């Protein structure tokens, strides 16, 4: 792999440390049969050499989202969660409202970087997303819009590099042992 990311590179001599990633689709209409964005994320997680620690679909309901997220963050079996869906502006889009109160720390720069790469794909339509990321119980969570394009932008251009232990000069994997320090 000789991939470069803006401002970064991969240490090809280093071994990948697999991360346990759970994928959550937030939607009132998606099912296992038509959940293309969730399937796309799960395939990319596995393709990157990580472990798919869980995959679920929940309705656009605050308590359902929180219950699934907290079950994963307190299980000890998940290092990162990537959600797809529910980050828009309509009345039923409640992923940020569900997740933000659970955050121990918000990763403000994720939204900025996501919008930067999304702008290159969809232009000003990126304004309609409220993508966010942070830490809950020592588990990273990344909340992406529900379109396949947004999932590709978010995973391929932002999250994949930061969940890859070979990414230099730094990555989020190397922080994992220290996330719950007091």
Protein backbone atom coordinates (compact mmCIF):
# COMPACT_ATOMS: atom_id res chain seq x y z
CA UNK A 1 0.00 0.00 0.00
CA UNK A 2 1.60 3.23 -1.11
CA UNK A 3 -1.31 5.47 -0.31
CA UNK A 4 -0.84 9.05 0.72
CA UNK A 5 -3.29 11.20 2.59
CA UNK A 6 -3.05 14.99 2.77
CA UNK A 7 -0.40 15.75 5.33
CA UNK A 8 0.25 12.09 6.01
CA UNK A 9 1.70 8.82 4.78
CA UNK A 10 1.58 5.14 5.60
CA UNK A 11 4.46 3.31 7.25
CA UNK A 12 4.57 0.26 5.02
CA UNK A 13 7.02 -1.53 7.33
CA UNK A 14 4.57 -1.42 10.25
CA UNK A 15 1.91 -4.06 10.85
CA UNK A 16 -1.76 -3.09 10.91
CA UNK A 17 -3.41 -3.19 14.32
CA UNK A 18 -6.99 -4.28 13.56
CA UNK A 19 -9.71 -2.18 15.16
CA UNK A 20 -13.10 -3.54 16.25
CA UNK A 21 -15.62 -1.37 14.39
CA UNK A 22 -19.42 -1.43 14.71
CA UNK A 23 -21.64 -0.02 11.96
CA UNK A 24 -25.00 1.56 12.78
CA UNK A 25 -27.54 2.59 10.16
CA UNK A 26 -30.08 5.14 11.37
CA UNK A 27 -33.18 5.08 9.19
CA UNK A 28 -36.95 4.72 9.26
CA UNK A 29 -36.93 3.02 5.85
CA UNK A 30 -33.79 0.89 5.52
CA UNK A 31 -33.79 -2.86 6.02
CA UNK A 32 -31.00 -5.43 5.74
CA UNK A 33 -32.03 -5.90 2.09
CA UNK A 34 -31.80 -2.24 1.06
CA UNK A 35 -29.24 -0.85 3.52
CA UNK A 36 -26.63 0.03 0.91
CA UNK A 37 -24.72 2.57 3.02
CA UNK A 38 -24.45 0.23 6.02
CA UNK A 39 -23.32 -2.62 3.78
CA UNK A 40 -20.80 -0.30 2.08
CA UNK A 41 -19.35 0.67 5.47
CA UNK A 42 -19.21 -2.93 6.69
CA UNK A 43 -17.41 -3.97 3.49
CA UNK A 44 -14.91 -1.13 3.82
CA UNK A 45 -14.24 -1.96 7.48
CA UNK A 46 -13.47 -5.58 6.60
CA UNK A 47 -11.55 -4.58 3.48
CA UNK A 48 -9.28 -2.35 5.57
CA UNK A 49 -8.34 -5.35 7.73
CA UNK A 50 -10.50 -4.45 10.72
CA UNK A 51 -13.03 -6.60 12.58
CA UNK A 52 -16.72 -5.88 12.08
CA UNK A 53 -17.74 -5.91 15.76
CA UNK A 54 -21.42 -5.38 15.08
CA UNK A 55 -23.93 -4.12 12.55
CA UNK A 56 -27.42 -2.85 13.26
CA UNK A 57 -30.23 -0.73 11.91
CA UNK A 58 -32.30 1.49 14.21
CA UNK A 59 -35.11 3.92 13.51
CA UNK A 60 -34.61 7.69 13.60
CA UNK A 61 -35.51 7.79 17.29
CA UNK A 62 -33.26 9.33 19.93
CA UNK A 63 -33.70 6.59 22.53
CA UNK A 64 -33.19 3.75 20.02
CA UNK A 65 -29.97 5.34 18.76
CA UNK A 66 -28.68 5.97 22.29
CA UNK A 67 -29.52 2.45 23.46
CA UNK A 68 -27.62 0.79 20.59
CA UNK A 69 -24.63 3.14 20.90
CA UNK A 70 -24.37 2.71 24.69
CA UNK A 71 -24.70 -1.08 24.40
CA UNK A 72 -21.67 -1.07 22.11
CA UNK A 73 -19.60 1.50 24.05
CA UNK A 74 -20.04 -0.35 27.34
CA UNK A 75 -19.57 -3.86 25.93
CA UNK A 76 -15.76 -3.82 25.86
CA UNK A 77 -15.99 -5.37 22.38
CA UNK A 78 -15.97 -2.21 20.25
CA UNK A 79 -13.20 0.33 19.59
CA UNK A 80 -15.07 2.55 17.14
CA UNK A 81 -18.61 3.06 15.86
CA UNK A 82 -19.48 4.51 12.47
CA UNK A 83 -23.07 5.58 11.95
CA UNK A 84 -24.75 6.36 8.66
CA UNK A 85 -27.93 8.39 8.43
CA UNK A 86 -29.93 10.83 10.48
CA UNK A 87 -27.50 13.76 10.22
CA UNK A 88 -29.63 15.90 7.90
CA UNK A 89 -31.96 18.80 8.60
CA UNK A 90 -35.40 17.21 8.46
CA UNK A 91 -37.56 16.65 11.50
CA UNK A 92 -36.75 12.93 11.68
CA UNK A 93 -32.95 13.46 11.45
CA UNK A 94 -31.93 13.08 15.11
CA UNK A 95 -28.55 11.32 15.14
CA UNK A 96 -26.64 14.39 16.43
CA UNK A 97 -29.29 15.03 19.09
CA UNK A 98 -29.04 11.40 20.19
CA UNK A 99 -25.25 11.15 20.18
CA UNK A 100 -23.99 14.56 21.28
CA UNK A 101 -25.25 14.30 24.92
CA UNK A 102 -23.46 10.94 25.23
CA UNK A 103 -20.09 12.35 24.18
CA UNK A 104 -17.31 12.55 26.74
CA UNK A 105 -15.31 14.56 24.20
CA UNK A 106 -16.30 15.92 20.79
CA UNK A 107 -13.81 15.82 17.93
CA UNK A 108 -14.70 19.21 16.44
CA UNK A 109 -12.19 18.94 13.63
CA UNK A 110 -13.90 15.83 12.21
CA UNK A 111 -16.87 17.85 11.02
CA UNK A 112 -14.59 20.44 9.43
CA UNK A 113 -12.49 17.86 7.61
CA UNK A 114 -15.54 15.84 6.55
CA UNK A 115 -17.15 18.97 5.06
CA UNK A 116 -13.92 19.85 3.28
CA UNK A 117 -13.79 16.49 1.48
CA UNK A 118 -17.56 16.39 1.01
CA UNK A 119 -17.47 19.83 -0.63
CA UNK A 120 -15.14 18.42 -3.26
CA UNK A 121 -17.82 15.81 -4.10
CA UNK A 122 -21.16 17.57 -3.64
CA UNK A 123 -20.32 21.25 -3.40
CA UNK A 124 -22.47 23.40 -1.18
CA UNK A 125 -24.89 20.52 -0.54
CA UNK A 126 -22.47 19.53 2.22
CA UNK A 127 -24.13 22.28 4.29
CA UNK A 128 -27.11 19.93 4.75
CA UNK A 129 -25.08 17.49 6.87
CA UNK A 130 -24.44 17.66 10.59
CA UNK A 131 -21.66 15.06 10.63
CA UNK A 132 -19.91 14.76 13.97
CA UNK A 133 -17.47 12.60 15.91
CA UNK A 134 -16.25 12.11 19.43
CA UNK A 135 -15.56 9.72 22.27
CA UNK A 136 -18.07 7.82 24.40
CA UNK A 137 -16.76 5.54 27.15
CA UNK A 138 -13.36 5.41 25.43
CA UNK A 139 -14.92 4.40 22.08
CA UNK A 140 -14.63 6.59 18.98
CA UNK A 141 -17.90 7.40 17.22
CA UNK A 142 -18.18 8.92 13.75
CA UNK A 143 -21.62 10.01 12.51
CA UNK A 144 -21.92 10.23 8.74
CA UNK A 145 -24.81 11.12 6.45
CA UNK A 146 -26.79 8.24 4.96
CA UNK A 147 -25.84 8.50 1.29
CA UNK A 148 -23.36 6.11 -0.27
CA UNK A 149 -21.32 9.09 -1.49
CA UNK A 150 -21.06 10.55 2.01
CA UNK A 151 -20.05 7.15 3.40
CA UNK A 152 -17.33 6.83 0.76
CA UNK A 153 -16.06 10.36 1.46
CA UNK A 154 -16.18 9.90 5.22
CA UNK A 155 -14.58 6.45 5.35
CA UNK A 156 -12.19 6.61 2.41
CA UNK A 157 -10.92 10.16 2.88
CA UNK A 158 -11.06 10.68 6.66
CA UNK A 159 -11.86 7.79 8.99
CA UNK A 160 -9.89 4.96 7.31
CA UNK A 161 -6.56 6.75 7.69
CA UNK A 162 -7.16 7.66 11.33
CA UNK A 163 -8.19 4.08 12.21
CA UNK A 164 -5.09 2.72 10.48
CA UNK A 165 -2.20 2.21 12.92
CA UNK A 166 0.27 2.64 10.03
CA UNK A 167 -0.83 6.21 9.24
CA UNK A 168 1.83 8.80 10.05
CA UNK A 169 2.57 11.19 11.57
CA UNK A 170 -0.19 10.04 13.93
CA UNK A 171 -3.46 8.13 14.10
CA UNK A 172 -6.27 7.48 16.56
CA UNK A 173 -5.32 3.84 17.11
CA UNK A 174 -2.22 4.83 19.03
CA UNK A 175 -4.43 6.86 21.39
CA UNK A 176 -6.78 3.98 22.23
CA UNK A 177 -4.83 2.64 25.24
CA UNK A 178 -4.92 6.10 26.81
CA UNK A 179 -8.51 7.21 26.13
CA UNK A 180 -9.77 6.42 29.63
CA UNK A 181 -6.83 7.89 31.54
CA UNK A 182 -7.67 9.99 34.55
